[in-house]
Protein backbone atom coordinates (compact mmCIF):
# COMPACT_ATOMS: atom_id res chain seq x y z
CA MET A 1 10.71 25.97 -1.01
CA ARG A 2 8.29 23.41 -1.69
CA PRO A 3 8.97 19.56 -1.40
CA LEU A 4 9.10 19.46 -4.99
CA LEU A 5 11.85 21.85 -5.38
CA LEU A 6 13.78 20.39 -2.02
CA SER A 7 13.76 17.05 -3.58
CA LEU A 8 15.44 18.16 -7.01
CA ALA A 9 18.10 20.52 -5.76
CA PHE A 10 18.84 17.30 -3.49
CA LEU A 11 19.55 15.46 -6.57
CA ALA A 12 20.96 17.62 -8.43
CA ALA A 13 23.60 18.14 -5.86
CA CYS A 14 24.20 14.24 -5.59
CA ALA A 15 24.50 14.56 -9.27
CA SER A 16 27.33 17.30 -9.26
CA THR A 17 30.18 16.67 -11.24
CA ASP A 18 32.63 17.07 -7.79
CA ARG A 19 34.21 13.84 -7.43
CA PRO A 20 35.61 12.16 -4.86
CA SER A 21 39.29 11.83 -4.92
CA SER A 22 40.37 9.38 -2.49
CA ALA A 23 40.47 6.44 -4.17
CA PRO A 24 44.30 5.19 -5.40
CA PRO A 25 44.90 3.84 -8.79
CA GLY A 26 43.65 0.44 -9.40
CA SER A 27 40.45 0.98 -7.06
CA TYR A 28 37.32 -0.28 -8.61
CA LEU A 29 33.53 -0.83 -7.37
CA ALA A 30 31.81 -3.95 -8.34
CA VAL A 31 28.11 -3.66 -8.34
CA LEU A 32 25.30 -6.38 -9.13
CA ASP A 33 22.17 -5.34 -10.94
CA LYS A 34 19.75 -8.18 -9.80
CA THR A 35 17.09 -7.74 -12.26
CA ASP A 36 19.70 -7.09 -15.24
CA ALA A 37 21.33 -10.20 -14.22
CA THR A 38 24.83 -8.14 -14.93
CA LEU A 39 28.08 -7.47 -12.85
CA ARG A 40 29.26 -3.65 -13.55
CA LEU A 41 33.03 -2.60 -13.12
CA ILE A 42 33.20 1.33 -11.96
CA GLU A 43 36.05 3.53 -11.25
CA PRO A 44 34.79 4.85 -8.20
CA ASN A 45 36.54 8.30 -8.92
CA SER A 46 34.36 9.68 -11.93
CA GLY A 47 31.87 6.70 -12.17
CA THR A 48 33.20 5.27 -15.09
CA LEU A 49 31.86 2.55 -16.41
CA LYS A 50 34.94 -0.05 -16.99
CA ASP A 51 33.19 -3.21 -17.98
CA LEU A 52 29.45 -4.71 -17.93
CA VAL A 53 29.37 -8.47 -17.49
CA SER A 54 26.57 -10.90 -17.86
CA THR A 55 26.47 -13.45 -14.96
CA GLY A 56 23.55 -15.99 -13.96
CA ASN A 57 20.14 -15.17 -13.06
CA GLY A 58 20.13 -13.11 -9.64
CA PRO A 59 23.29 -12.03 -8.68
CA HIS A 60 23.35 -10.71 -4.79
CA GLU A 61 26.74 -10.68 -3.30
CA CYS A 62 30.20 -10.99 -4.70
CA ALA A 63 33.59 -11.18 -3.37
CA ILE A 64 37.41 -10.28 -4.62
CA ALA A 65 40.32 -12.36 -4.20
CA PRO A 66 43.10 -11.02 -1.62
CA ASP A 67 45.07 -10.19 -4.62
CA GLY A 68 42.54 -8.93 -6.82
CA GLU A 69 43.16 -11.22 -9.52
CA ILE A 70 39.61 -12.60 -9.60
CA LEU A 71 36.07 -11.64 -8.60
CA VAL A 72 33.26 -14.33 -7.58
CA VAL A 73 29.60 -13.57 -8.15
CA CYS A 74 26.56 -15.74 -6.32
CA ASN A 75 24.00 -16.28 -8.96
CA TYR A 76 20.82 -16.43 -6.16
CA GLY A 77 18.41 -16.88 -9.08
CA ASP A 78 14.97 -15.47 -9.27
CA GLN A 79 11.92 -17.87 -9.28
CA GLN A 80 13.84 -20.12 -10.28
CA PRO A 81 16.41 -21.34 -7.73
CA GLY A 82 20.10 -20.14 -8.69
CA HIS A 83 23.13 -22.51 -8.29
CA THR A 84 26.18 -21.55 -9.98
CA LEU A 85 29.02 -18.87 -9.42
CA THR A 86 30.31 -16.69 -11.62
CA VAL A 87 33.91 -15.98 -11.95
CA TRP A 88 35.70 -12.63 -13.74
CA ASP A 89 38.91 -12.76 -14.24
CA LEU A 90 39.98 -9.16 -13.78
CA SER A 91 43.58 -9.37 -15.87
CA GLU A 92 42.35 -11.22 -18.91
CA ARG A 93 38.80 -9.22 -18.28
CA ARG A 94 36.44 -12.07 -19.18
CA VAL A 95 34.68 -14.62 -17.04
CA ARG A 96 36.86 -17.08 -16.50
CA ALA A 97 34.89 -19.70 -15.16
CA THR A 98 31.04 -20.66 -14.34
CA ILE A 99 30.97 -23.08 -11.49
CA ASP A 100 27.93 -25.18 -10.92
CA LEU A 101 27.45 -26.07 -7.21
CA SER A 102 24.28 -28.59 -7.71
CA PRO A 103 23.15 -29.74 -5.74
CA HIS A 104 23.30 -26.84 -3.46
CA GLN A 105 21.27 -23.96 -4.32
CA ARG A 106 20.64 -20.29 -3.74
CA PRO A 107 23.78 -19.42 -3.19
CA HIS A 108 23.84 -15.82 -1.52
CA GLY A 109 26.93 -14.90 1.10
CA ILE A 110 30.32 -14.99 0.15
CA GLN A 111 33.76 -14.15 1.47
CA PHE A 112 37.40 -15.70 0.44
CA LEU A 113 39.22 -17.79 2.89
CA SER A 114 42.18 -17.95 0.73
CA ARG A 115 43.74 -16.80 -2.72
CA ARG A 116 41.75 -19.38 -4.47
CA ARG A 117 39.08 -20.75 -1.75
CA ALA A 118 36.07 -19.12 -0.71
CA LEU A 119 32.93 -20.01 1.55
CA VAL A 120 29.28 -19.51 0.05
CA THR A 121 25.90 -19.96 1.75
CA SER A 122 23.47 -22.19 0.22
CA GLU A 123 20.08 -21.37 1.71
CA THR A 124 18.37 -24.72 0.59
CA SER A 125 20.81 -26.81 1.74
CA ARG A 126 21.25 -25.22 5.08
CA ALA A 127 25.22 -24.86 4.41
CA VAL A 128 28.34 -23.09 3.89
CA LEU A 129 30.30 -24.41 1.17
CA GLU A 130 33.98 -24.21 0.44
CA VAL A 131 34.41 -24.12 -2.95
CA ASP A 132 38.07 -24.54 -4.87
CA LEU A 133 38.09 -22.22 -7.53
CA ALA A 134 40.80 -23.39 -9.38
CA ARG A 135 39.15 -26.82 -9.77
CA GLU A 136 36.10 -25.25 -9.98
CA ARG A 137 34.10 -27.42 -7.63
CA VAL A 138 32.47 -27.47 -3.68
CA VAL A 139 35.15 -30.02 -1.70
CA ARG A 140 33.13 -29.25 1.54
CA ALA A 141 29.17 -28.34 2.76
CA LEU A 142 28.98 -27.39 6.28
CA ASP A 143 25.98 -27.74 8.11
CA THR A 144 25.00 -24.70 9.80
CA GLY A 145 22.08 -26.43 11.71
CA ALA A 146 19.63 -23.17 11.17
CA ASP A 147 17.43 -22.37 7.90
CA THR A 148 17.84 -19.56 5.60
CA SER A 149 21.56 -18.95 6.18
CA HIS A 150 22.10 -15.91 4.57
CA MET A 151 24.99 -13.91 4.59
CA LEU A 152 28.41 -14.99 6.57
CA ALA A 153 31.65 -13.57 7.92
CA ILE A 154 34.60 -15.17 8.29
CA ALA A 155 36.89 -14.79 11.41
CA ARG A 156 39.95 -12.43 10.91
CA ASP A 157 42.48 -15.61 12.13
CA GLY A 158 40.22 -17.83 9.75
CA ASP A 159 39.40 -20.18 12.31
CA ARG A 160 35.85 -19.73 12.40
CA VAL A 161 32.99 -18.58 10.29
CA PHE A 162 29.32 -17.40 11.23
CA THR A 163 26.17 -17.26 9.38
CA ALA A 164 23.11 -14.90 10.27
CA ASN A 165 20.15 -17.34 9.75
CA ILE A 166 17.33 -15.28 9.19
CA ARG A 167 14.17 -18.19 9.35
CA SER A 168 15.85 -19.67 12.44
CA GLY A 169 16.41 -16.13 14.48
CA THR A 170 20.45 -17.74 14.90
CA VAL A 171 23.91 -16.88 14.12
CA SER A 172 26.06 -20.54 13.56
CA VAL A 173 29.21 -20.97 14.81
CA ILE A 174 31.31 -23.32 12.51
CA ASP A 175 35.06 -24.37 13.24
CA LEU A 176 36.54 -24.86 9.97
CA ALA A 177 39.44 -27.01 11.14
CA SER A 178 36.71 -29.78 11.75
CA GLY A 179 33.90 -28.34 9.77
CA GLY A 180 31.78 -29.04 13.10
CA LEU A 181 29.05 -26.53 14.33
CA VAL A 182 30.51 -25.15 17.68
CA ALA A 183 27.40 -23.41 18.16
CA SER A 184 24.12 -21.72 17.23
CA ILE A 185 23.31 -18.56 19.39
CA PRO A 186 19.77 -17.41 19.14
CA THR A 187 19.96 -13.50 18.52
CA GLY A 188 16.57 -12.18 17.87
CA ALA A 189 14.58 -12.04 14.61
CA GLN A 190 15.79 -12.51 11.41
CA PRO A 191 18.54 -11.74 11.54
CA GLU A 192 20.68 -11.09 8.24
CA ALA A 193 23.47 -8.54 8.09
CA ILE A 194 26.80 -9.68 9.94
CA ALA A 195 30.27 -8.28 9.96
CA VAL A 196 33.36 -9.23 11.97
CA SER A 197 35.26 -6.48 13.00
CA PRO A 198 38.67 -5.68 11.83
CA ASP A 199 40.33 -6.75 14.91
CA GLY A 200 38.57 -9.76 14.86
CA ARG A 201 37.15 -9.29 18.75
CA GLU A 202 33.40 -8.46 17.67
CA VAL A 203 30.84 -9.99 15.60
CA TRP A 204 28.14 -7.51 14.99
CA VAL A 205 24.95 -9.08 13.52
CA GLY A 206 21.66 -6.78 12.13
CA HIS A 207 18.21 -7.85 12.92
CA ASN A 208 15.33 -7.21 9.88
CA GLN A 209 12.51 -7.58 12.33
CA ASP A 210 13.94 -6.71 15.43
CA GLU A 211 15.21 -3.32 14.37
CA LYS A 212 18.55 -4.06 16.16
CA LEU A 213 22.15 -4.55 16.22
CA VAL A 214 23.70 -7.49 18.74
CA VAL A 215 27.29 -7.53 19.12
CA LEU A 216 28.90 -11.05 19.92
CA ASP A 217 32.52 -11.31 21.42
CA ALA A 218 34.18 -13.63 18.62
CA HIS A 219 36.02 -16.01 20.68
CA SER A 220 33.65 -16.38 24.14
CA LEU A 221 30.35 -16.18 21.93
CA ASP A 222 28.77 -13.96 24.38
CA ILE A 223 26.18 -11.39 23.75
CA LEU A 224 27.96 -8.05 24.66
CA ALA A 225 25.63 -5.88 23.36
CA GLU A 226 21.82 -4.64 21.85
CA LEU A 227 21.12 -1.54 19.89
CA PRO A 228 18.17 -0.40 18.43
CA CYS A 229 18.49 0.59 14.92
CA GLY A 230 16.57 1.82 12.03
CA ARG A 231 14.15 0.09 9.92
CA LEU A 232 15.43 -3.12 8.42
CA PRO A 233 18.87 -3.01 9.05
CA ILE A 234 20.06 -4.98 6.43
CA ARG A 235 23.60 -4.52 5.80
CA LEU A 236 26.44 -3.28 7.95
CA ALA A 237 30.26 -2.07 7.51
CA PHE A 238 32.85 -1.23 9.37
CA THR A 239 35.41 1.68 8.70
CA PRO A 240 38.78 0.06 7.89
CA ASP A 241 40.25 1.43 11.36
CA GLY A 242 37.10 -0.29 13.10
CA SER A 243 36.01 2.58 15.11
CA THR A 244 32.49 3.57 12.96
CA VAL A 245 29.75 0.57 12.07
CA LEU A 246 27.91 1.79 8.93
CA VAL A 247 24.54 0.35 8.82
CA SER A 248 21.76 0.11 5.61
CA CYS A 249 18.46 0.93 7.18
CA ALA A 250 16.52 -0.35 4.00
CA LEU A 251 13.21 0.80 5.22
CA SER A 252 13.83 4.66 6.36
CA GLY A 253 16.40 5.06 3.26
CA GLU A 254 19.12 6.27 5.66
CA ILE A 255 22.61 4.94 6.78
CA ALA A 256 22.85 4.50 10.38
CA VAL A 257 26.41 5.65 11.66
CA ILE A 258 27.37 4.02 15.25
CA ASP A 259 30.43 4.44 16.94
CA ARG A 260 31.39 1.30 17.87
CA ALA A 261 33.50 2.14 21.10
CA ALA A 262 30.52 3.94 22.52
CA ARG A 263 27.93 1.62 21.31
CA ARG A 264 25.46 4.38 20.42
CA GLU A 265 24.39 6.01 17.17
CA THR A 266 25.71 9.32 16.52
CA ALA A 267 24.52 9.64 13.11
CA ARG A 268 21.94 9.45 10.11
CA ILE A 269 22.76 10.20 7.00
CA ALA A 270 19.50 10.47 4.57
CA LEU A 271 19.97 9.15 0.96
CA PRO A 272 18.47 10.57 -2.22
CA PRO A 273 14.84 9.71 -2.74
CA ARG A 274 13.98 7.73 -5.79
CA SER A 275 12.33 9.90 -8.61
CA THR A 276 8.95 8.95 -9.89
CA PRO A 277 7.06 9.10 -12.87
CA ASP A 278 4.83 11.50 -11.76
CA GLY A 279 8.11 13.85 -10.35
CA THR A 280 7.55 13.65 -7.10
CA GLY A 281 11.08 11.88 -6.08
CA ASP A 282 9.63 11.36 -2.63
CA THR A 283 10.02 7.22 -2.66
CA ASN A 284 12.40 5.39 -0.33
CA PRO A 285 15.56 4.41 -2.26
CA LEU A 286 15.76 1.15 -0.80
CA PRO A 287 19.76 0.87 0.46
CA ILE A 288 21.38 -2.05 0.66
CA GLY A 289 24.81 -3.02 -0.17
CA ILE A 290 27.56 -0.63 1.40
CA VAL A 291 31.19 -0.98 1.14
CA VAL A 292 34.03 1.25 2.99
CA GLU A 293 37.09 2.29 0.42
CA THR A 294 40.20 1.51 1.93
CA LYS A 295 41.54 4.69 3.23
CA GLY A 296 37.95 4.96 5.36
CA ARG A 297 36.48 8.59 3.62
CA TYR A 298 34.17 7.72 1.71
CA ALA A 299 31.26 4.66 1.61
CA TYR A 300 29.43 3.26 -1.14
CA VAL A 301 26.08 2.17 -1.06
CA SER A 302 23.83 0.84 -3.35
CA LEU A 303 20.14 1.85 -3.95
CA SER A 304 18.19 -0.82 -4.85
CA ALA A 305 14.62 1.09 -5.79
CA ALA A 306 16.67 4.10 -7.44
CA ASP A 307 19.00 2.42 -9.82
CA ARG A 308 22.02 4.24 -8.52
CA VAL A 309 24.94 4.34 -6.20
CA ALA A 310 25.11 7.15 -3.60
CA VAL A 311 28.92 8.03 -2.63
CA ILE A 312 28.83 9.02 1.29
CA ASP A 313 31.81 11.73 2.55
CA LEU A 314 32.02 10.27 6.31
CA GLU A 315 33.77 13.39 7.28
CA GLN A 316 30.78 15.64 6.08
CA ARG A 317 28.07 12.55 6.71
CA ALA A 318 26.66 13.62 3.67
CA VAL A 319 26.09 12.18 0.49
CA VAL A 320 28.15 13.92 -2.20
CA ARG A 321 27.53 12.01 -5.59
CA THR A 322 25.43 9.40 -6.76
CA PHE A 323 26.47 7.25 -10.12
CA GLU A 324 24.03 5.51 -11.98
CA THR A 325 23.24 1.51 -12.10
CA GLY A 326 21.05 -0.84 -13.71
CA ARG A 327 18.05 -2.31 -12.65
CA THR A 328 17.80 -2.97 -8.54
CA PRO A 329 21.61 -3.00 -7.62
CA ASP A 330 22.26 -5.21 -4.56
CA GLY A 331 25.36 -6.38 -3.79
CA ILE A 332 28.58 -4.25 -3.63
CA ALA A 333 32.60 -4.59 -3.08
CA TRP A 334 35.79 -2.80 -3.18
CA ILE A 335 38.33 -3.66 -5.43
CA TRP A 336 42.02 -2.82 -5.18
CA ARG A 337 44.50 -4.15 -7.58
CA ARG A 338 48.12 -3.88 -7.56
CA LYS A 339 48.52 -4.48 -11.27
CA PRO A 340 46.37 -2.05 -14.17
CA TYR A 341 43.28 -3.58 -14.50
CA GLY A 342 43.02 -5.44 -17.65
CA PHE A 343 45.19 -4.91 -21.03
CA LEU A 344 44.01 -1.35 -21.33
CA GLY A 345 45.58 -0.34 -18.02
CA GLU A 346 44.13 2.33 -15.86
CA PHE A 347 42.14 5.72 -16.44
């Protein structure tokens, strides 16, 4: 079969009507469209669009509160630096607040510290901002001591926060009780992806330029291992049981599957190529954001150059479907709510 026909067959299979069925009621997928400056809420079993929300310019990352009541978007900006957070109320289906972080700019990485407090990186301030979402203000700016602190991860016990500092080539470790910088660990060229293992024992870091993963002991901060990875390992995510690490390899258009215990790659999952105007369909889809649903069966990956989200069956290790998004989807998050979403209830 010709390459064009192979590409079309692959895309047709990914767009089939077969639906992943692992997501329980109350589950949603949040996807940020950078170019359109929108947040979209998607029902993950069907791909149905639930809400489309305007954000600030250049939304890059988002996080959902532990109780599933609010979702917060970092408006990173485009040519002009962004300096706001958009707070979306999932119960009332409205923007609850737009929080101005000034003088801090370029907010990017975000995680919830507690029900109504979030930690957010500010690249221009070389800081992690602690934001009180109820009072809509920054209450602390914690110095990372490094340039381009981009993504962050919070220790399982909530005592520390780790930041990946792209330009400095380090991981910063900040004590959240004192606010002091514990350590700045050289790990390699252009660290960006970062995550703490579900058991809290390890911090995994992806390096864009070195094309490697580094494993840190979350307590001693020793480097435990270094693993080669695909081209531009820009994001990573653990399965809920902590046994597997999934890595978005942006420049090779693949997801690398890593056995955490063995610390070795066990598979590469090819992602559907982006269609081109001439119909060749042979362009890298540029995978970035990745999230694993709570049962650990499916992973969802934003394809920034293809304007789609790919659904990966982790048992089959294959793409089983794609959803359409807006332009240049990036940040992605999994939402699970005990209460029905909004006044209209579930689908």
